[in-house]
Amino acid sequence: MVGSAYAWYKWIIRNNYTQDWLVFVDALYKRFGTDLYTNPQEALKELKQQGTVADYQNQFEALSTKVTGLSDQWLIIFFVAGLNDYLKCQLRLAKPTSYHEAVSLARLHEQNHAALRQSLKPPFSSPSTLPNNRPKSLQPPPPHPSTHTKPLDPPPLSLTHTPDTNPAPTKLPYKRFTTAELRERRRQGLYYYCDEKYNPSHKCQAKCYVLLALEDLQDMCHTLSNDTTKDDITTNNATTPEISFNAL
C-alpha cells in the first residue's frame, strides 16, 4: 500500500478496527468507495454483457464481491441472465451446476459462434481485391460543339396562292341527240359533230362524243333500217330500165 491507503491502514491497526473482517471491509468500502448510494445486489442483477464473455465476467465478479450471502445457484442465475441472447439460450439448455461451469460453457459457445461466422465469410473479405466483372454502364457520347447558337427557324409559309402549273384536263364537249334529231340531221345531210354539210374531205374542228341512250339507240336502229329499206326501194324503182321513144 502507498499513499492515503497505507496511512488509513496504519490508522485502522492502531485503533483495533481489524478484529472483524466484515467490519474492516465495510470501513474500507466507505473510505475508498465511489458509489456509496448504489445497491450492489441490484447492480449485479441489471448487469448486461456488452463485449466478450471475459469482459462480462470481470464486471460480474467485481460487483459480486460487494454482495454477501449469495448462493452459487443465485450467482449462476444472475450470470446467465446478463449474457447475450444466443449464449443465454445455450446455457439454459446445458443447465450448469456451478458458477465456474457456467463461465466455461459461455466461453466455449462464444468461440464456436466466432468460428462459425468466420467460415461463412467469403474467401476475399476485401471488396477492393475482387475483380470487377460487371459491364460498365453505357453512356451517351458527349455532344459535339455546334457552330449554331440558335436553331434555324423554318421558312415562313407564303400566304399568296401559287398557281397550279398542271391545269385540269378539259372536258370534251358532247351532245345528246334524240331519235327525231338524228333523223332530221340525217335527212339534211349534216354531220353529227357539227352543223355543216357532209363532205368526204371535211374535218370537224371540235371533237365531241355522241351519247346514245338504250331506247334512243333502238329507235335509231329501227329508223335506219326503215330508211335503208326505203332507199333501196327507191333505188330499185329509179333504176328500172325504160326505153325512150326518142331512141327509136
Protein backbone atom coordinates (compact mmCIF):
# COMPACT_ATOMS: atom_id res chain seq x y z
CA MET A 1 0.00 0.00 0.00
CA VAL A 2 1.13 3.51 -0.74
CA GLY A 3 -0.20 6.95 -0.19
CA SER A 4 -3.51 7.52 1.52
CA ALA A 5 -4.41 3.82 1.58
CA TYR A 6 -1.27 2.97 3.58
CA ALA A 7 -1.91 5.81 6.03
CA TRP A 8 -5.53 4.69 6.51
CA TYR A 9 -4.49 1.07 7.07
CA LYS A 10 -1.98 2.11 9.75
CA TRP A 11 -4.70 4.10 11.45
CA ILE A 12 -7.03 1.03 11.43
CA ILE A 13 -4.34 -1.16 13.03
CA ARG A 14 -3.59 1.30 15.77
CA ASN A 15 -7.28 1.75 16.63
CA ASN A 16 -8.05 -2.02 16.62
CA TYR A 17 -10.60 -1.96 13.74
CA THR A 18 -9.25 -5.24 12.33
CA GLN A 19 -10.87 -7.61 14.82
CA ASP A 20 -13.81 -8.43 12.48
CA TRP A 21 -13.36 -8.91 8.73
CA LEU A 22 -16.83 -7.66 7.80
CA VAL A 23 -16.25 -4.51 9.82
CA PHE A 24 -12.92 -3.99 8.04
CA VAL A 25 -14.49 -4.46 4.58
CA ASP A 26 -17.31 -2.08 5.40
CA ALA A 27 -14.85 0.52 6.65
CA LEU A 28 -12.68 0.09 3.54
CA TYR A 29 -15.69 0.46 1.22
CA LYS A 30 -16.89 3.57 2.98
CA ARG A 31 -13.42 5.13 2.90
CA PHE A 32 -12.49 4.49 -0.74
CA GLY A 33 -15.77 3.54 -2.41
CA THR A 34 -17.15 5.86 -5.11
CA ASP A 35 -20.76 4.59 -5.34
CA LEU A 36 -21.86 4.56 -1.74
CA TYR A 37 -25.53 5.01 -2.65
CA THR A 38 -25.67 2.12 -5.15
CA ASN A 39 -27.10 -1.25 -4.17
CA PRO A 40 -24.52 -3.87 -5.31
CA GLN A 41 -27.11 -6.64 -5.47
CA GLU A 42 -29.40 -4.59 -7.72
CA ALA A 43 -26.44 -3.59 -9.95
CA LEU A 44 -25.42 -7.25 -10.25
CA LYS A 45 -28.94 -8.19 -11.32
CA GLU A 46 -29.10 -5.45 -14.01
CA LEU A 47 -25.60 -6.07 -15.43
CA LYS A 48 -25.63 -6.95 -19.18
CA GLN A 49 -22.90 -8.24 -21.46
CA GLN A 50 -21.52 -5.51 -23.75
CA GLY A 51 -18.31 -7.09 -25.07
CA THR A 52 -16.72 -10.51 -24.77
CA VAL A 53 -17.52 -13.11 -22.11
CA ALA A 54 -14.19 -12.34 -20.39
CA ASP A 55 -15.08 -8.64 -20.05
CA TYR A 56 -18.52 -9.52 -18.73
CA GLN A 57 -17.00 -11.97 -16.23
CA ASN A 58 -14.68 -9.28 -14.85
CA GLN A 59 -17.55 -6.84 -14.33
CA PHE A 60 -19.76 -9.54 -12.80
CA GLU A 61 -17.14 -10.70 -10.29
CA ALA A 62 -16.30 -7.07 -9.36
CA LEU A 63 -19.92 -6.50 -8.35
CA SER A 64 -20.40 -9.91 -6.75
CA THR A 65 -17.60 -9.21 -4.24
CA LYS A 66 -19.74 -6.40 -2.85
CA VAL A 67 -22.66 -8.72 -2.27
CA THR A 68 -22.56 -11.14 0.63
CA GLY A 69 -24.76 -14.13 1.34
CA LEU A 70 -25.44 -15.12 -2.31
CA SER A 71 -25.50 -18.86 -3.01
CA ASP A 72 -23.83 -20.45 -6.02
CA GLN A 73 -27.24 -21.02 -7.61
CA TRP A 74 -28.08 -17.31 -7.47
CA LEU A 75 -24.70 -16.43 -8.97
CA ILE A 76 -25.46 -18.78 -11.91
CA ILE A 77 -28.90 -17.21 -12.40
CA PHE A 78 -27.54 -13.64 -12.38
CA PHE A 79 -24.60 -14.55 -14.65
CA VAL A 80 -26.72 -16.32 -17.27
CA ALA A 81 -29.37 -13.57 -17.25
CA GLY A 82 -26.80 -10.94 -18.28
CA LEU A 83 -25.35 -12.86 -21.26
CA ASN A 84 -26.18 -12.23 -24.91
CA ASP A 85 -29.31 -13.93 -26.25
CA TYR A 86 -27.58 -16.69 -28.23
CA LEU A 87 -25.34 -17.58 -25.25
CA LYS A 88 -28.21 -17.34 -22.80
CA CYS A 89 -30.21 -19.95 -24.73
CA GLN A 90 -27.24 -22.34 -24.93
CA LEU A 91 -26.51 -22.17 -21.19
CA ARG A 92 -30.16 -22.61 -20.23
CA LEU A 93 -30.24 -25.79 -22.31
CA ALA A 94 -26.94 -27.01 -20.75
CA LYS A 95 -28.14 -26.31 -17.15
CA PRO A 96 -24.73 -25.76 -15.48
CA THR A 97 -24.49 -26.82 -11.79
CA SER A 98 -21.79 -24.34 -10.70
CA TYR A 99 -20.70 -20.81 -11.42
CA HIS A 100 -17.34 -21.89 -12.88
CA GLU A 101 -19.08 -24.39 -15.20
CA ALA A 102 -21.40 -21.62 -16.43
CA VAL A 103 -18.43 -19.38 -17.22
CA SER A 104 -16.62 -22.19 -19.09
CA LEU A 105 -19.70 -23.05 -21.18
CA ALA A 106 -20.23 -19.39 -22.05
CA ARG A 107 -16.65 -19.05 -23.34
CA LEU A 108 -16.89 -22.32 -25.29
CA HIS A 109 -20.09 -21.30 -27.10
CA GLU A 110 -18.60 -17.86 -27.79
CA GLN A 111 -15.61 -19.43 -29.54
CA ASN A 112 -17.88 -21.77 -31.50
CA HIS A 113 -20.03 -18.85 -32.64
CA ALA A 114 -16.97 -16.87 -33.77
CA ALA A 115 -15.61 -19.84 -35.76
CA LEU A 116 -18.98 -20.37 -37.45
CA ARG A 117 -19.17 -16.73 -38.51
CA GLN A 118 -15.63 -16.88 -39.87
CA SER A 119 -16.45 -19.93 -42.02
CA LEU A 120 -19.47 -18.21 -43.54
CA LYS A 121 -17.43 -15.24 -44.76
CA PRO A 122 -16.39 -15.15 -48.47
CA PRO A 123 -12.75 -16.09 -49.23
CA PHE A 124 -11.96 -12.50 -50.23
CA SER A 125 -13.19 -10.27 -47.46
CA SER A 126 -11.86 -7.08 -49.01
CA PRO A 127 -14.15 -5.87 -51.78
CA SER A 128 -11.33 -3.86 -53.34
CA THR A 129 -9.38 -7.03 -54.25
CA LEU A 130 -12.30 -8.62 -56.12
CA PRO A 131 -12.20 -8.16 -59.90
CA ASN A 132 -14.96 -6.01 -61.21
CA ASN A 133 -16.58 -8.11 -63.91
CA ARG A 134 -19.72 -6.07 -64.15
CA PRO A 135 -20.17 -4.36 -67.51
CA LYS A 136 -19.83 -0.66 -67.47
CA SER A 137 -22.99 1.22 -68.00
CA LEU A 138 -23.34 2.61 -71.48
CA GLN A 139 -23.24 6.36 -71.51
CA PRO A 140 -24.09 8.57 -74.47
CA PRO A 141 -21.12 10.30 -76.10
CA PRO A 142 -20.61 13.93 -75.18
CA PRO A 143 -22.35 16.30 -77.54
CA HIS A 144 -20.14 17.95 -80.15
CA PRO A 145 -19.93 21.71 -80.01
CA SER A 146 -22.27 23.24 -82.51
CA THR A 147 -21.44 26.30 -84.55
CA HIS A 148 -25.06 27.47 -84.42
CA THR A 149 -26.02 29.12 -81.19
CA LYS A 150 -29.69 29.11 -82.16
CA PRO A 151 -31.62 26.54 -84.18
CA LEU A 152 -32.63 27.66 -87.63
CA ASP A 153 -36.25 28.69 -87.88
CA PRO A 154 -38.33 27.10 -90.63
CA PRO A 155 -39.07 29.36 -93.62
CA PRO A 156 -42.29 31.32 -93.26
CA LEU A 157 -45.28 29.97 -95.05
CA SER A 158 -46.29 32.02 -98.06
CA LEU A 159 -49.80 33.43 -97.88
CA THR A 160 -50.03 34.05 -101.61
CA HIS A 161 -51.67 31.44 -103.75
CA THR A 162 -49.31 29.65 -106.10
CA PRO A 163 -50.94 28.92 -109.43
CA ASP A 164 -51.14 25.31 -110.40
CA THR A 165 -48.80 24.59 -113.30
CA ASN A 166 -50.74 21.46 -114.25
CA PRO A 167 -54.19 22.59 -115.32
CA ALA A 168 -57.01 20.15 -115.07
CA PRO A 169 -57.80 18.37 -118.32
CA THR A 170 -60.58 20.00 -120.25
CA LYS A 171 -63.71 18.02 -120.69
CA LEU A 172 -64.62 17.17 -124.25
CA PRO A 173 -67.97 18.55 -125.37
CA TYR A 174 -70.70 16.13 -126.08
CA LYS A 175 -74.20 16.36 -127.48
CA ARG A 176 -77.23 14.32 -126.70
CA PHE A 177 -79.47 13.65 -129.70
CA THR A 178 -82.90 12.24 -129.68
CA THR A 179 -84.13 9.91 -132.35
CA ALA A 180 -86.02 12.69 -134.09
CA GLU A 181 -82.93 14.94 -134.12
CA LEU A 182 -80.79 12.21 -135.56
CA ARG A 183 -83.36 11.52 -138.26
CA GLU A 184 -83.57 15.22 -139.10
CA ARG A 185 -79.79 15.67 -139.30
CA ARG A 186 -79.52 12.62 -141.50
CA ARG A 187 -82.26 13.93 -143.76
CA GLN A 188 -80.47 17.26 -144.11
CA GLY A 189 -77.11 15.60 -144.70
CA LEU A 190 -75.47 17.23 -141.65
CA TYR A 191 -72.65 15.86 -139.59
CA TYR A 192 -73.31 14.55 -136.13
CA TYR A 193 -70.37 16.57 -134.77
CA CYS A 194 -71.06 19.93 -136.41
CA ASP A 195 -73.71 21.73 -138.37
CA GLU A 196 -72.02 21.52 -141.77
CA LYS A 197 -72.97 19.52 -144.85
CA TYR A 198 -71.38 16.20 -145.44
CA ASN A 199 -68.16 16.32 -147.47
CA PRO A 200 -65.65 13.43 -147.71
CA SER A 201 -62.68 15.78 -147.14
CA HIS A 202 -64.32 17.65 -144.27
CA LYS A 203 -62.76 17.59 -140.76
CA CYS A 204 -64.65 18.84 -137.74
CA GLN A 205 -62.81 21.48 -135.72
CA ALA A 206 -64.10 20.38 -132.31
CA LYS A 207 -64.38 16.76 -131.39
CA CYS A 208 -67.34 15.52 -129.44
CA TYR A 209 -68.86 12.28 -128.37
CA VAL A 210 -72.33 11.10 -129.20
CA LEU A 211 -74.21 9.84 -126.18
CA LEU A 212 -76.96 7.43 -127.09
CA ALA A 213 -79.42 6.03 -124.60
CA LEU A 214 -80.63 2.48 -124.95
CA GLU A 215 -84.12 3.43 -126.06
CA ASP A 216 -82.81 6.07 -128.49
CA LEU A 217 -80.34 3.59 -129.92
CA GLN A 218 -83.08 1.06 -130.55
CA ASP A 219 -85.27 3.70 -132.19
CA MET A 220 -82.39 4.93 -134.29
CA CYS A 221 -81.54 1.44 -135.46
CA HIS A 222 -85.18 0.86 -136.32
CA THR A 223 -85.31 4.17 -138.16
CA LEU A 224 -82.09 3.48 -140.02
CA SER A 225 -83.36 0.08 -141.08
CA ASN A 226 -86.59 1.63 -142.33
CA ASP A 227 -84.73 4.39 -144.15
CA THR A 228 -82.39 1.87 -145.71
CA THR A 229 -85.33 -0.19 -146.91
CA LYS A 230 -86.98 2.87 -148.39
CA ASP A 231 -83.76 3.96 -150.08
CA ASP A 232 -83.32 0.51 -151.55
CA ILE A 233 -86.86 0.52 -152.86
CA THR A 234 -86.38 3.99 -154.26
CA THR A 235 -83.14 2.99 -155.87
CA ASN A 236 -84.67 -0.09 -157.35
CA ASN A 237 -87.53 1.92 -158.61
CA ALA A 238 -85.23 4.54 -160.02
CA THR A 239 -83.11 2.03 -161.83
CA THR A 240 -85.97 0.28 -163.59
CA PRO A 241 -84.96 0.22 -167.29
CA GLU A 242 -87.11 2.24 -169.60
CA ILE A 243 -86.95 2.70 -173.39
CA SER A 244 -87.47 6.16 -174.71
CA PHE A 245 -89.39 6.69 -177.91
CA ASN A 246 -86.75 9.12 -178.97
CA ALA A 247 -84.26 6.31 -179.08
CA LEU A 248 -86.27 4.66 -181.77
